[in-house]
C-alpha atoms as a PDB file:
ATOM      1  CA  MET A   1       1.450   6.247  35.152  1.00  0.00           C
ATOM      2  CA  GLN A   2       3.792   7.684  32.580  1.00  0.00           C
ATOM      3  CA  VAL A   3       4.324   6.399  28.867  1.00  0.00           C
ATOM      4  CA  ARG A   4       7.812   5.259  29.887  1.00  0.00           C
ATOM      5  CA  GLU A   5       6.404   2.605  32.080  1.00  0.00           C
ATOM      6  CA  ALA A   6       4.170   1.428  29.258  1.00  0.00           C
ATOM      7  CA  MET A   7       6.221   1.548  26.095  1.00  0.00           C
ATOM      8  CA  SER A   8       8.190  -1.084  24.533  1.00  0.00           C
ATOM      9  CA  GLY A   9      11.851   0.023  24.643  1.00  0.00           C
ATOM     10  CA  THR A  10      12.563  -2.613  21.859  1.00  0.00           C
ATOM     11  CA  VAL A  11      11.534  -1.100  18.603  1.00  0.00           C
ATOM     12  CA  LEU A  12      11.325  -2.803  15.164  1.00  0.00           C
ATOM     13  CA  MET A  13      13.135  -0.299  12.819  1.00  0.00           C
ATOM     14  CA  ILE A  14      12.986  -0.870   9.115  1.00  0.00           C
ATOM     15  CA  GLY A  15      14.018   1.035   5.974  1.00  0.00           C
ATOM     16  CA  PRO A  16      11.553   2.586   3.396  1.00  0.00           C
ATOM     17  CA  GLY A  17      12.946   0.327   0.619  1.00  0.00           C
ATOM     18  CA  HIS A  18      11.639  -2.821   2.319  1.00  0.00           C
ATOM     19  CA  THR A  19       8.446  -4.472   0.612  1.00  0.00           C
ATOM     20  CA  LEU A  20       5.380  -4.606   2.303  1.00  0.00           C
ATOM     21  CA  ARG A  21       5.842  -8.424   2.622  1.00  0.00           C
ATOM     22  CA  GLU A  22       9.242  -8.006   4.204  1.00  0.00           C
ATOM     23  CA  ALA A  23       7.821  -5.370   6.619  1.00  0.00           C
ATOM     24  CA  SER A  24       4.872  -7.801   7.363  1.00  0.00           C
ATOM     25  CA  ARG A  25       7.189 -10.850   8.037  1.00  0.00           C
ATOM     26  CA  GLN A  26       9.268  -8.804  10.566  1.00  0.00           C
ATOM     27  CA  MET A  27       6.161  -7.514  12.427  1.00  0.00           C
ATOM     28  CA  ALA A  28       4.654 -10.855  12.639  1.00  0.00           C
ATOM     29  CA  ALA A  29       7.963 -12.450  13.878  1.00  0.00           C
ATOM     30  CA  ARG A  30       8.311  -9.719  16.377  1.00  0.00           C
ATOM     31  CA  ARG A  31       4.458 -10.000  17.244  1.00  0.00           C
ATOM     32  CA  VAL A  32       4.226  -6.075  16.818  1.00  0.00           C
ATOM     33  CA  GLY A  33       1.565  -4.072  15.133  1.00  0.00           C
ATOM     34  CA  ALA A  34       3.902  -1.389  13.807  1.00  0.00           C
ATOM     35  CA  ALA A  35       7.346  -0.688  12.707  1.00  0.00           C
ATOM     36  CA  VAL A  36       9.382   2.618  12.883  1.00  0.00           C
ATOM     37  CA  VAL A  37      10.627   3.528   9.433  1.00  0.00           C
ATOM     38  CA  HIS A  38      13.886   5.431   9.308  1.00  0.00           C
ATOM     39  CA  ASP A  39      15.076   7.044   6.414  1.00  0.00           C
ATOM     40  CA  PRO A  40      18.269   9.116   7.271  1.00  0.00           C
ATOM     41  CA  ASP A  41      18.448  10.389   3.642  1.00  0.00           C
ATOM     42  CA  GLY A  42      14.804  11.200   3.215  1.00  0.00           C
ATOM     43  CA  GLU A  43      12.068  12.506   5.298  1.00  0.00           C
ATOM     44  CA  GLY A  44      13.145  11.253   8.661  1.00  0.00           C
ATOM     45  CA  ILE A  45      11.006   9.078  10.948  1.00  0.00           C
ATOM     46  CA  GLY A  46       7.795   7.423   9.843  1.00  0.00           C
ATOM     47  CA  ILE A  47       5.669   4.490  10.940  1.00  0.00           C
ATOM     48  CA  ILE A  48       4.043   1.535   9.183  1.00  0.00           C
ATOM     49  CA  THR A  49       1.318  -0.350  10.910  1.00  0.00           C
ATOM     50  CA  GLU A  50      -0.804  -3.375  10.208  1.00  0.00           C
ATOM     51  CA  ARG A  51      -3.543  -1.210   9.019  1.00  0.00           C
ATOM     52  CA  ASP A  52      -1.435   0.137   6.250  1.00  0.00           C
ATOM     53  CA  VAL A  53      -0.448  -3.162   5.143  1.00  0.00           C
ATOM     54  CA  LEU A  54      -4.102  -4.457   5.283  1.00  0.00           C
ATOM     55  CA  GLU A  55      -5.338  -1.167   3.174  1.00  0.00           C
ATOM     56  CA  ALA A  56      -2.719  -1.981   0.506  1.00  0.00           C
ATOM     57  CA  LEU A  57      -3.742  -5.684   0.375  1.00  0.00           C
ATOM     58  CA  GLY A  58      -7.352  -4.799   0.119  1.00  0.00           C
ATOM     59  CA  ALA A  59      -6.838  -2.408  -2.642  1.00  0.00           C
ATOM     60  CA  GLY A  60      -5.223  -5.258  -4.536  1.00  0.00           C
ATOM     61  CA  GLN A  61      -1.602  -4.197  -4.415  1.00  0.00           C
ATOM     62  CA  ASP A  62       1.341  -6.604  -4.579  1.00  0.00           C
ATOM     63  CA  PRO A  63       3.181  -6.938  -1.124  1.00  0.00           C
ATOM     64  CA  ASP A  64       6.110  -8.227  -3.113  1.00  0.00           C
ATOM     65  CA  THR A  65       6.649  -5.022  -5.113  1.00  0.00           C
ATOM     66  CA  GLU A  66       5.032  -2.424  -2.873  1.00  0.00           C
ATOM     67  CA  LEU A  67       7.455  -0.335  -0.754  1.00  0.00           C
ATOM     68  CA  VAL A  68       6.955   0.538   2.636  1.00  0.00           C
ATOM     69  CA  HIS A  69       7.799   4.275   1.720  1.00  0.00           C
ATOM     70  CA  ASP A  70       4.701   4.499  -0.302  1.00  0.00           C
ATOM     71  CA  HIS A  71       2.358   3.239   2.521  1.00  0.00           C
ATOM     72  CA  LEU A  72       4.044   4.679   5.831  1.00  0.00           C
ATOM     73  CA  THR A  73       2.567   7.611   7.797  1.00  0.00           C
ATOM     74  CA  ALA A  74       5.157  10.462   7.948  1.00  0.00           C
ATOM     75  CA  GLU A  75       3.163  13.206   9.565  1.00  0.00           C
ATOM     76  CA  LEU A  76       3.289  11.975  13.088  1.00  0.00           C
ATOM     77  CA  VAL A  77       2.507  12.810  16.667  1.00  0.00           C
ATOM     78  CA  PHE A  78       5.127  11.998  18.938  1.00  0.00           C
ATOM     79  CA  ALA A  79       4.962  11.229  22.615  1.00  0.00           C
ATOM     80  CA  ALA A  80       7.574  12.010  25.320  1.00  0.00           C
ATOM     81  CA  PRO A  81       8.357   9.390  27.999  1.00  0.00           C
ATOM     82  CA  SER A  82       7.090  11.630  30.718  1.00  0.00           C
ATOM     83  CA  TRP A  83       3.545  11.937  29.196  1.00  0.00           C
ATOM     84  CA  THR A  84       0.893  10.333  31.234  1.00  0.00           C
ATOM     85  CA  LEU A  85      -1.104   7.549  29.791  1.00  0.00           C
ATOM     86  CA  ASP A  86      -4.183   9.744  29.561  1.00  0.00           C
ATOM     87  CA  GLN A  87      -2.315  12.025  27.411  1.00  0.00           C
ATOM     88  CA  ALA A  88      -0.988   9.417  25.241  1.00  0.00           C
ATOM     89  CA  ALA A  89      -4.710   7.879  24.846  1.00  0.00           C
ATOM     90  CA  ASP A  90      -6.131  11.279  24.264  1.00  0.00           C
ATOM     91  CA  ALA A  91      -3.438  11.846  21.445  1.00  0.00           C
ATOM     92  CA  MET A  92      -4.358   8.439  19.929  1.00  0.00           C
ATOM     93  CA  THR A  93      -8.247   9.161  20.026  1.00  0.00           C
ATOM     94  CA  ARG A  94      -7.835  12.686  18.419  1.00  0.00           C
ATOM     95  CA  GLY A  95      -5.493  11.369  15.682  1.00  0.00           C
ATOM     96  CA  GLY A  96      -7.348   8.002  15.103  1.00  0.00           C
ATOM     97  CA  PHE A  97      -4.360   5.742  15.472  1.00  0.00           C
ATOM     98  CA  ARG A  98      -3.155   3.178  17.824  1.00  0.00           C
ATOM     99  CA  HIS A  99       0.548   3.630  18.175  1.00  0.00           C
ATOM    100  CA  LEU A 100       2.637   6.488  19.247  1.00  0.00           C
ATOM    101  CA  ILE A 101       6.545   6.666  18.727  1.00  0.00           C
ATOM    102  CA  VAL A 102       8.210   7.848  21.878  1.00  0.00           C
ATOM    103  CA  LEU A 103      10.985  10.468  21.501  1.00  0.00           C
ATOM    104  CA  ASP A 104      13.533  11.392  24.076  1.00  0.00           C
ATOM    105  CA  GLY A 105      16.047  14.082  23.076  1.00  0.00           C
ATOM    106  CA  GLY A 106      15.003  13.718  19.563  1.00  0.00           C
ATOM    107  CA  GLU A 107      15.806   9.941  19.571  1.00  0.00           C
ATOM    108  CA  VAL A 108      13.432   7.022  19.302  1.00  0.00           C
ATOM    109  CA  ALA A 109      13.234   5.634  22.806  1.00  0.00           C
ATOM    110  CA  GLY A 110      10.417   3.227  22.215  1.00  0.00           C
ATOM    111  CA  ILE A 111       6.751   2.815  21.034  1.00  0.00           C
ATOM    112  CA  VAL A 112       3.401   2.672  22.864  1.00  0.00           C
ATOM    113  CA  SER A 113       0.396   1.155  21.705  1.00  0.00           C
ATOM    114  CA  VAL A 114      -3.360   1.146  22.864  1.00  0.00           C
ATOM    115  CA  ARG A 115      -2.720  -2.353  23.965  1.00  0.00           C
ATOM    116  CA  ASP A 116       0.130  -1.273  26.387  1.00  0.00           C
ATOM    117  CA  ILE A 117      -2.115   1.548  27.795  1.00  0.00           C
ATOM    118  CA  VAL A 118      -5.039  -0.864  28.317  1.00  0.00           C
ATOM    119  CA  ARG A 119      -2.637  -3.504  30.010  1.00  0.00           C
ATOM    120  CA  CYS A 120      -1.254  -0.828  32.364  1.00  0.00           C
ATOM    121  CA  TRP A 121      -4.668   0.536  33.165  1.00  0.00           C
ATOM    122  CA  SER A 122      -6.024  -3.028  33.927  1.00  0.00           C
ATOM    123  CA  GLN A 123      -2.895  -3.849  36.189  1.00  0.00           C
ATOM    124  CA  GLU A 124      -3.437  -0.598  38.168  1.00  0.00           C
ATOM    125  CA  ARG A 125      -7.101  -1.365  38.534  1.00  0.00           C
ATOM    126  CA  ALA A 126      -6.529  -4.882  39.717  1.00  0.00           C
ATOM    127  CA  ALA A 127      -3.798  -3.423  42.215  1.00  0.00           C
ATOM    128  CA  ASP A 128      -6.242  -0.829  43.511  1.00  0.00           C
ATOM    129  CA  GLU A 129      -9.073  -3.804  43.975  1.00  0.00           C
ATOM    130  CA  LEU A 130      -6.517  -5.719  46.038  1.00  0.00           C
ATOM    131  CA  VAL A 131      -5.854  -2.844  48.149  1.00  0.00           C
ATOM    132  CA  GLY A 132      -9.266  -1.570  48.553  1.00  0.00           C
END
């Protein structure tokens, strides 16, 4: 199975000037653990995850004044839609992260998470058990 089959094509995109609280509210409303941060005037594409927000809060930082820009990950590994789920899982394991932004022709095509991969693998296994 390929990343294109597992990824979510609906991606939460936010700007680097959002506060951590604003980002958290949007992620909670969408029920996602990450948002793609797009800064056309800056460093390009980044990602902010629930882990980034938790680390900031755990350090005592104010979610109403701290900006996404200061907590995002800008040095990213991107997946291609044609990657296998094994390739995506390997990249996540090596990098120690749980989300991959999927680029197609240089544009954000989706996002794939560990949860997406596990769901697909579980569905494949269940289908195999029905056949076998």
